[in-house]
Amino acid sequence: AQPGMAKNGLSLDTWPVGTGPFVLTQYEQDR
């Protein structure tokens, strides 16, 4: 929720935070 985060695509919608077996490490839009 901090300033500048949304502008740079930083959110739970793109970089989730969980307890599961894997971590999202690369997010290349539509690729």
PDB file of all heavy atoms in Angstrom:
ATOM      1  N   ALA A   1       0.818  -1.222   0.000  1.00  0.00           N
ATOM      2  CA  ALA A   1       0.000   0.000   0.000  1.00  0.00           C
ATOM      3  C   ALA A   1       0.848   1.267   0.000  1.00  0.00           C
ATOM      4  O   ALA A   1       0.306   2.363  -0.030  1.00  0.00           O
ATOM      5  CB  ALA A   1      -0.929   0.003   1.216  1.00  0.00           C
ATOM      6  N   GLN A   2       2.171   1.136  -0.002  1.00  0.00           N
ATOM      7  CA  GLN A   2       3.036   2.302   0.114  1.00  0.00           C
ATOM      8  C   GLN A   2       3.157   3.063  -1.214  1.00  0.00           C
ATOM      9  O   GLN A   2       2.954   2.488  -2.290  1.00  0.00           O
ATOM     10  CB  GLN A   2       4.416   1.863   0.606  1.00  0.00           C
ATOM     11  CG  GLN A   2       4.365   1.276   2.006  1.00  0.00           C
ATOM     12  CD  GLN A   2       5.731   0.821   2.484  1.00  0.00           C
ATOM     13  OE1 GLN A   2       6.404   1.538   3.201  1.00  0.00           O
ATOM     14  NE2 GLN A   2       6.134  -0.371   2.075  1.00  0.00           N
ATOM     15  N   PRO A   3       3.498   4.350  -1.143  1.00  0.00           N
ATOM     16  CA  PRO A   3       3.605   5.179  -2.354  1.00  0.00           C
ATOM     17  C   PRO A   3       4.608   4.606  -3.350  1.00  0.00           C
ATOM     18  O   PRO A   3       5.683   4.139  -2.971  1.00  0.00           O
ATOM     19  CB  PRO A   3       4.091   6.530  -1.805  1.00  0.00           C
ATOM     20  CG  PRO A   3       3.662   6.551  -0.390  1.00  0.00           C
ATOM     21  CD  PRO A   3       3.747   5.131   0.084  1.00  0.00           C
ATOM     22  N   GLY A   4       4.207   4.631  -4.621  1.00  0.00           N
ATOM     23  CA  GLY A   4       5.077   4.186  -5.697  1.00  0.00           C
ATOM     24  C   GLY A   4       4.997   2.714  -6.018  1.00  0.00           C
ATOM     25  O   GLY A   4       5.483   2.274  -7.077  1.00  0.00           O
ATOM     26  N   MET A   5       4.410   1.924  -5.145  1.00  0.00           N
ATOM     27  CA  MET A   5       4.349   0.477  -5.371  1.00  0.00           C
ATOM     28  C   MET A   5       3.440   0.126  -6.562  1.00  0.00           C
ATOM     29  O   MET A   5       3.830  -0.617  -7.461  1.00  0.00           O
ATOM     30  CB  MET A   5       3.860  -0.234  -4.111  1.00  0.00           C
ATOM     31  CG  MET A   5       4.843  -0.195  -2.949  1.00  0.00           C
ATOM     32  SD  MET A   5       6.203  -1.329  -3.220  1.00  0.00           S
ATOM     33  CE  MET A   5       6.982  -1.305  -1.607  1.00  0.00           C
ATOM     34  N   ALA A   6       2.212   0.656  -6.549  1.00  0.00           N
ATOM     35  CA  ALA A   6       1.249   0.314  -7.602  1.00  0.00           C
ATOM     36  C   ALA A   6       1.767   0.730  -8.975  1.00  0.00           C
ATOM     37  O   ALA A   6       1.586   0.013  -9.968  1.00  0.00           O
ATOM     38  CB  ALA A   6      -0.094   0.978  -7.308  1.00  0.00           C
ATOM     39  N   LYS A   7       2.413   1.883  -9.037  1.00  0.00           N
ATOM     40  CA  LYS A   7       2.947   2.378 -10.312  1.00  0.00           C
ATOM     41  C   LYS A   7       3.935   1.390 -10.909  1.00  0.00           C
ATOM     42  O   LYS A   7       4.011   1.229 -12.134  1.00  0.00           O
ATOM     43  CB  LYS A   7       3.618   3.731 -10.089  1.00  0.00           C
ATOM     44  CG  LYS A   7       4.254   4.326 -11.335  1.00  0.00           C
ATOM     45  CD  LYS A   7       4.949   5.640 -11.016  1.00  0.00           C
ATOM     46  CE  LYS A   7       5.643   6.207 -12.250  1.00  0.00           C
ATOM     47  NZ  LYS A   7       6.366   7.463 -11.943  1.00  0.00           N
ATOM     48  N   ASN A   8       4.689   0.723 -10.066  1.00  0.00           N
ATOM     49  CA  ASN A   8       5.698  -0.226 -10.527  1.00  0.00           C
ATOM     50  C   ASN A   8       5.197  -1.668 -10.573  1.00  0.00           C
ATOM     51  O   ASN A   8       5.988  -2.600 -10.675  1.00  0.00           O
ATOM     52  CB  ASN A   8       6.936  -0.143  -9.633  1.00  0.00           C
ATOM     53  CG  ASN A   8       7.733   1.125  -9.875  1.00  0.00           C
ATOM     54  OD1 ASN A   8       7.391   1.922 -10.750  1.00  0.00           O
ATOM     55  ND2 ASN A   8       8.785   1.328  -9.114  1.00  0.00           N
ATOM     56  N   GLY A   9       3.871  -1.841 -10.469  1.00  0.00           N
ATOM     57  CA  GLY A   9       3.295  -3.181 -10.580  1.00  0.00           C
ATOM     58  C   GLY A   9       3.533  -4.060  -9.383  1.00  0.00           C
ATOM     59  O   GLY A   9       3.493  -5.298  -9.487  1.00  0.00           O
ATOM     60  N   LEU A  10       3.765  -3.467  -8.225  1.00  0.00           N
ATOM     61  CA  LEU A  10       3.985  -4.230  -7.004  1.00  0.00           C
ATOM     62  C   LEU A  10       2.692  -4.302  -6.208  1.00  0.00           C
ATOM     63  O   LEU A  10       2.221  -3.305  -5.660  1.00  0.00           O
ATOM     64  CB  LEU A  10       5.092  -3.583  -6.171  1.00  0.00           C
ATOM     65  CG  LEU A  10       6.511  -3.777  -6.717  1.00  0.00           C
ATOM     66  CD1 LEU A  10       7.470  -2.790  -6.081  1.00  0.00           C
ATOM     67  CD2 LEU A  10       6.989  -5.203  -6.494  1.00  0.00           C
ATOM     68  N   SER A  11       2.105  -5.486  -6.156  1.00  0.00           N
ATOM     69  CA  SER A  11       0.860  -5.701  -5.423  1.00  0.00           C
ATOM     70  C   SER A  11       0.686  -7.194  -5.213  1.00  0.00           C
ATOM     71  O   SER A  11       1.387  -8.014  -5.820  1.00  0.00           O
ATOM     72  CB  SER A  11      -0.339  -5.136  -6.197  1.00  0.00           C
ATOM     73  OG  SER A  11      -0.624  -5.953  -7.320  1.00  0.00           O
ATOM     74  N   LEU A  12      -0.280  -7.554  -4.362  1.00  0.00           N
ATOM     75  CA  LEU A  12      -0.600  -8.971  -4.181  1.00  0.00           C
ATOM     76  C   LEU A  12      -1.173  -9.580  -5.451  1.00  0.00           C
ATOM     77  O   LEU A  12      -1.160 -10.800  -5.625  1.00  0.00           O
ATOM     78  CB  LEU A  12      -1.591  -9.145  -3.026  1.00  0.00           C
ATOM     79  CG  LEU A  12      -1.004  -9.158  -1.617  1.00  0.00           C
ATOM     80  CD1 LEU A  12      -2.117  -9.197  -0.579  1.00  0.00           C
ATOM     81  CD2 LEU A  12      -0.057 -10.338  -1.417  1.00  0.00           C
ATOM     82  N   ASP A  13      -1.690  -8.747  -6.342  1.00  0.00           N
ATOM     83  CA  ASP A  13      -2.267  -9.245  -7.582  1.00  0.00           C
ATOM     84  C   ASP A  13      -1.204  -9.758  -8.547  1.00  0.00           C
ATOM     85  O   ASP A  13      -1.510 -10.543  -9.446  1.00  0.00           O
ATOM     86  CB  ASP A  13      -3.084  -8.140  -8.252  1.00  0.00           C
ATOM     87  CG  ASP A  13      -4.538  -8.526  -8.401  1.00  0.00           C
ATOM     88  OD1 ASP A  13      -4.933  -9.582  -7.880  1.00  0.00           O
ATOM     89  OD2 ASP A  13      -5.290  -7.779  -9.056  1.00  0.00           O
ATOM     90  N   THR A  14       0.032  -9.291  -8.389  1.00  0.00           N
ATOM     91  CA  THR A  14       1.104  -9.745  -9.266  1.00  0.00           C
ATOM     92  C   THR A  14       2.216 -10.474  -8.514  1.00  0.00           C
ATOM     93  O   THR A  14       2.884 -11.332  -9.090  1.00  0.00           O
ATOM     94  CB  THR A  14       1.724  -8.564 -10.030  1.00  0.00           C
ATOM     95  OG1 THR A  14       2.012  -7.510  -9.114  1.00  0.00           O
ATOM     96  CG2 THR A  14       0.775  -8.039 -11.094  1.00  0.00           C
ATOM     97  N   TRP A  15       2.422 -10.133  -7.240  1.00  0.00           N
ATOM     98  CA  TRP A  15       3.483 -10.761  -6.454  1.00  0.00           C
ATOM     99  C   TRP A  15       2.898 -11.278  -5.141  1.00  0.00           C
ATOM    100  O   TRP A  15       3.016 -10.656  -4.098  1.00  0.00           O
ATOM    101  CB  TRP A  15       4.613  -9.761  -6.191  1.00  0.00           C
ATOM    102  CG  TRP A  15       5.295  -9.323  -7.451  1.00  0.00           C
ATOM    103  CD1 TRP A  15       5.127  -8.143  -8.105  1.00  0.00           C
ATOM    104  CD2 TRP A  15       6.250 -10.069  -8.215  1.00  0.00           C
ATOM    105  NE1 TRP A  15       5.916  -8.096  -9.223  1.00  0.00           N
ATOM    106  CE2 TRP A  15       6.620  -9.262  -9.324  1.00  0.00           C
ATOM    107  CE3 TRP A  15       6.832 -11.326  -8.064  1.00  0.00           C
ATOM    108  CZ2 TRP A  15       7.536  -9.692 -10.277  1.00  0.00           C
ATOM    109  CZ3 TRP A  15       7.749 -11.752  -9.027  1.00  0.00           C
ATOM    110  CH2 TRP A  15       8.096 -10.940 -10.112  1.00  0.00           C
ATOM    111  N   PRO A  16       2.236 -12.442  -5.175  1.00  0.00           N
ATOM    112  CA  PRO A  16       1.552 -12.976  -3.993  1.00  0.00           C
ATOM    113  C   PRO A  16       2.526 -13.398  -2.896  1.00  0.00           C
ATOM    114  O   PRO A  16       3.705 -13.679  -3.154  1.00  0.00           O
ATOM    115  CB  PRO A  16       0.780 -14.172  -4.548  1.00  0.00           C
ATOM    116  CG  PRO A  16       1.531 -14.573  -5.776  1.00  0.00           C
ATOM    117  CD  PRO A  16       2.091 -13.310  -6.351  1.00  0.00           C
ATOM    118  N   VAL A  17       2.005 -13.457  -1.673  1.00  0.00           N
ATOM    119  CA  VAL A  17       2.800 -13.817  -0.497  1.00  0.00           C
ATOM    120  C   VAL A  17       2.069 -14.944   0.228  1.00  0.00           C
ATOM    121  O   VAL A  17       1.018 -14.724   0.831  1.00  0.00           O
ATOM    122  CB  VAL A  17       2.975 -12.611   0.447  1.00  0.00           C
ATOM    123  CG1 VAL A  17       3.858 -12.993   1.636  1.00  0.00           C
ATOM    124  CG2 VAL A  17       3.559 -11.417  -0.297  1.00  0.00           C
ATOM    125  N   GLY A  18       2.616 -16.155   0.167  1.00  0.00           N
ATOM    126  CA  GLY A  18       1.920 -17.286   0.754  1.00  0.00           C
ATOM    127  C   GLY A  18       2.839 -18.256   1.458  1.00  0.00           C
ATOM    128  O   GLY A  18       4.034 -18.011   1.638  1.00  0.00           O
ATOM    129  N   THR A  19       2.264 -19.398   1.815  1.00  0.00           N
ATOM    130  CA  THR A  19       2.997 -20.444   2.536  1.00  0.00           C
ATOM    131  C   THR A  19       3.218 -21.676   1.679  1.00  0.00           C
ATOM    132  O   THR A  19       3.748 -22.678   2.157  1.00  0.00           O
ATOM    133  CB  THR A  19       2.197 -20.880   3.778  1.00  0.00           C
ATOM    134  OG1 THR A  19       0.966 -21.502   3.339  1.00  0.00           O
ATOM    135  CG2 THR A  19       1.873 -19.700   4.672  1.00  0.00           C
ATOM    136  N   GLY A  20       2.795 -21.629   0.421  1.00  0.00           N
ATOM    137  CA  GLY A  20       2.789 -22.814  -0.420  1.00  0.00           C
ATOM    138  C   GLY A  20       4.156 -23.286  -0.843  1.00  0.00           C
ATOM    139  O   GLY A  20       5.194 -22.711  -0.490  1.00  0.00           O
ATOM    140  N   PRO A  21       4.201 -24.346  -1.655  1.00  0.00           N
ATOM    141  CA  PRO A  21       5.476 -24.978  -2.018  1.00  0.00           C
ATOM    142  C   PRO A  21       6.355 -24.157  -2.954  1.00  0.00           C
ATOM    143  O   PRO A  21       7.537 -24.444  -3.098  1.00  0.00           O
ATOM    144  CB  PRO A  21       5.040 -26.285  -2.685  1.00  0.00           C
ATOM    145  CG  PRO A  21       3.645 -26.027  -3.173  1.00  0.00           C
ATOM    146  CD  PRO A  21       3.043 -25.088  -2.180  1.00  0.00           C
ATOM    147  N   PHE A  22       5.776 -23.123  -3.593  1.00  0.00           N
ATOM    148  CA  PHE A  22       6.538 -22.361  -4.579  1.00  0.00           C
ATOM    149  C   PHE A  22       6.398 -20.858  -4.349  1.00  0.00           C
ATOM    150  O   PHE A  22       5.446 -20.393  -3.713  1.00  0.00           O
ATOM    151  CB  PHE A  22       6.077 -22.714  -6.000  1.00  0.00           C
ATOM    152  CG  PHE A  22       6.329 -24.153  -6.367  1.00  0.00           C
ATOM    153  CD1 PHE A  22       5.308 -25.094  -6.272  1.00  0.00           C
ATOM    154  CD2 PHE A  22       7.579 -24.570  -6.781  1.00  0.00           C
ATOM    155  CE1 PHE A  22       5.535 -26.417  -6.588  1.00  0.00           C
ATOM    156  CE2 PHE A  22       7.818 -25.895  -7.098  1.00  0.00           C
ATOM    157  CZ  PHE A  22       6.799 -26.819  -7.005  1.00  0.00           C
ATOM    158  N   VAL A  23       7.355 -20.129  -4.914  1.00  0.00           N
ATOM    159  CA  VAL A  23       7.384 -18.674  -4.865  1.00  0.00           C
ATOM    160  C   VAL A  23       7.457 -18.164  -6.294  1.00  0.00           C
ATOM    161  O   VAL A  23       8.238 -18.678  -7.111  1.00  0.00           O
ATOM    162  CB  VAL A  23       8.609 -18.169  -4.073  1.00  0.00           C
ATOM    163  CG1 VAL A  23       8.674 -16.646  -4.093  1.00  0.00           C
ATOM    164  CG2 VAL A  23       8.579 -18.690  -2.648  1.00  0.00           C
ATOM    165  N   LEU A  24       6.645 -17.164  -6.631  1.00  0.00           N
ATOM    166  CA  LEU A  24       6.715 -16.549  -7.951  1.00  0.00           C
ATOM    167  C   LEU A  24       7.980 -15.702  -8.027  1.00  0.00           C
ATOM    168  O   LEU A  24       8.153 -14.757  -7.256  1.00  0.00           O
ATOM    169  CB  LEU A  24       5.475 -15.682  -8.195  1.00  0.00           C
ATOM    170  CG  LEU A  24       5.386 -14.984  -9.563  1.00  0.00           C
ATOM    171  CD1 LEU A  24       5.286 -16.012 -10.679  1.00  0.00           C
ATOM    172  CD2 LEU A  24       4.178 -14.051  -9.603  1.00  0.00           C
ATOM    173  N   THR A  25       8.883 -16.037  -8.951  1.00  0.00           N
ATOM    174  CA  THR A  25      10.166 -15.340  -9.041  1.00  0.00           C
ATOM    175  C   THR A  25      10.323 -14.519 -10.320  1.00  0.00           C
ATOM    176  O   THR A  25      11.155 -13.618 -10.368  1.00  0.00           O
ATOM    177  CB  THR A  25      11.332 -16.334  -8.953  1.00  0.00           C
ATOM    178  OG1 THR A  25      11.194 -17.325  -9.987  1.00  0.00           O
ATOM    179  CG2 THR A  25      11.353 -17.013  -7.587  1.00  0.00           C
ATOM    180  N   GLN A  26       9.554 -14.846 -11.357  1.00  0.00           N
ATOM    181  CA  GLN A  26       9.590 -14.061 -12.591  1.00  0.00           C
ATOM    182  C   GLN A  26       8.168 -13.832 -13.071  1.00  0.00           C
ATOM    183  O   GLN A  26       7.365 -14.775 -13.116  1.00  0.00           O
ATOM    184  CB  GLN A  26      10.384 -14.780 -13.684  1.00  0.00           C
ATOM    185  CG  GLN A  26      11.865 -14.916 -13.403  1.00  0.00           C
ATOM    186  CD  GLN A  26      12.594 -15.586 -14.559  1.00  0.00           C
ATOM    187  OE1 GLN A  26      12.350 -15.293 -15.723  1.00  0.00           O
ATOM    188  NE2 GLN A  26      13.502 -16.501 -14.234  1.00  0.00           N
ATOM    189  N   TYR A  27       7.877 -12.592 -13.425  1.00  0.00           N
ATOM    190  CA  TYR A  27       6.552 -12.242 -13.936  1.00  0.00           C
ATOM    191  C   TYR A  27       6.763 -11.349 -15.153  1.00  0.00           C
ATOM    192  O   TYR A  27       7.018 -10.157 -15.031  1.00  0.00           O
ATOM    193  CB  TYR A  27       5.741 -11.515 -12.865  1.00  0.00           C
ATOM    194  CG  TYR A  27       4.307 -11.201 -13.252  1.00  0.00           C
ATOM    195  CD1 TYR A  27       3.257 -11.958 -12.748  1.00  0.00           C
ATOM    196  CD2 TYR A  27       3.995 -10.154 -14.105  1.00  0.00           C
ATOM    197  CE1 TYR A  27       1.947 -11.680 -13.093  1.00  0.00           C
ATOM    198  CE2 TYR A  27       2.694  -9.863 -14.460  1.00  0.00           C
ATOM    199  CZ  TYR A  27       1.669 -10.626 -13.956  1.00  0.00           C
ATOM    200  OH  TYR A  27       0.371 -10.353 -14.305  1.00  0.00           O
ATOM    201  N   GLU A  28       6.705 -11.947 -16.339  1.00  0.00           N
ATOM    202  CA  GLU A  28       6.828 -11.201 -17.585  1.00  0.00           C
ATOM    203  C   GLU A  28       5.444 -11.160 -18.218  1.00  0.00           C
ATOM    204  O   GLU A  28       4.944 -12.178 -18.690  1.00  0.00           O
ATOM    205  CB  GLU A  28       7.842 -11.860 -18.509  1.00  0.00           C
ATOM    206  CG  GLU A  28       9.252 -11.905 -17.937  1.00  0.00           C
ATOM    207  CD  GLU A  28      10.226 -12.599 -18.871  1.00  0.00           C
ATOM    208  OE1 GLU A  28      10.189 -12.313 -20.080  1.00  0.00           O
ATOM    209  OE2 GLU A  28      11.011 -13.434 -18.382  1.00  0.00           O
ATOM    210  N   GLN A  29       4.838  -9.993 -18.215  1.00  0.00           N
ATOM    211  CA  GLN A  29       3.451  -9.828 -18.638  1.00  0.00           C
ATOM    212  C   GLN A  29       3.200 -10.481 -19.991  1.00  0.00           C
ATOM    213  O   GLN A  29       3.886 -10.191 -20.979  1.00  0.00           O
ATOM    214  CB  GLN A  29       3.114  -8.332 -18.714  1.00  0.00           C
ATOM    215  CG  GLN A  29       1.686  -8.027 -19.100  1.00  0.00           C
ATOM    216  CD  GLN A  29       0.699  -8.296 -17.972  1.00  0.00           C
ATOM    217  OE1 GLN A  29       1.014  -8.093 -16.810  1.00  0.00           O
ATOM    218  NE2 GLN A  29      -0.485  -8.736 -18.322  1.00  0.00           N
ATOM    219  N   ASP A  30       2.204 -11.384 -20.012  1.00  0.00           N
ATOM    220  CA  ASP A  30       1.750 -12.028 -21.246  1.00  0.00           C
ATOM    221  C   ASP A  30       2.861 -12.792 -21.964  1.00  0.00           C
ATOM    222  O   ASP A  30       2.790 -13.002 -23.174  1.00  0.00           O
ATOM    223  CB  ASP A  30       1.138 -10.998 -22.205  1.00  0.00           C
ATOM    224  CG  ASP A  30      -0.023 -10.260 -21.598  1.00  0.00           C
ATOM    225  OD1 ASP A  30      -0.665 -10.822 -20.703  1.00  0.00           O
ATOM    226  OD2 ASP A  30      -0.278  -9.103 -21.995  1.00  0.00           O
ATOM    227  N   ARG A  31       3.891 -13.203 -21.230  1.00  0.00           N
ATOM    228  CA  ARG A  31       4.994 -13.927 -21.853  1.00  0.00           C
ATOM    229  C   ARG A  31       5.453 -15.125 -21.043  1.00  0.00           C
ATOM    230  O   ARG A  31       5.458 -16.249 -21.540  1.00  0.00           O
ATOM    231  CB  ARG A  31       6.172 -12.981 -22.098  1.00  0.00           C
ATOM    232  CG  ARG A  31       7.331 -13.642 -22.850  1.00  0.00           C
ATOM    233  CD  ARG A  31       8.412 -12.625 -23.205  1.00  0.00           C
ATOM    234  NE  ARG A  31       9.549 -13.298 -23.835  1.00  0.00           N
ATOM    235  CZ  ARG A  31      10.597 -13.756 -23.171  1.00  0.00           C
ATOM    236  NH1 ARG A  31      10.650 -13.603 -21.846  1.00  0.00           N
ATOM    237  NH2 ARG A  31      11.589 -14.361 -23.808  1.00  0.00           N
TER     238      ARG A  31
END
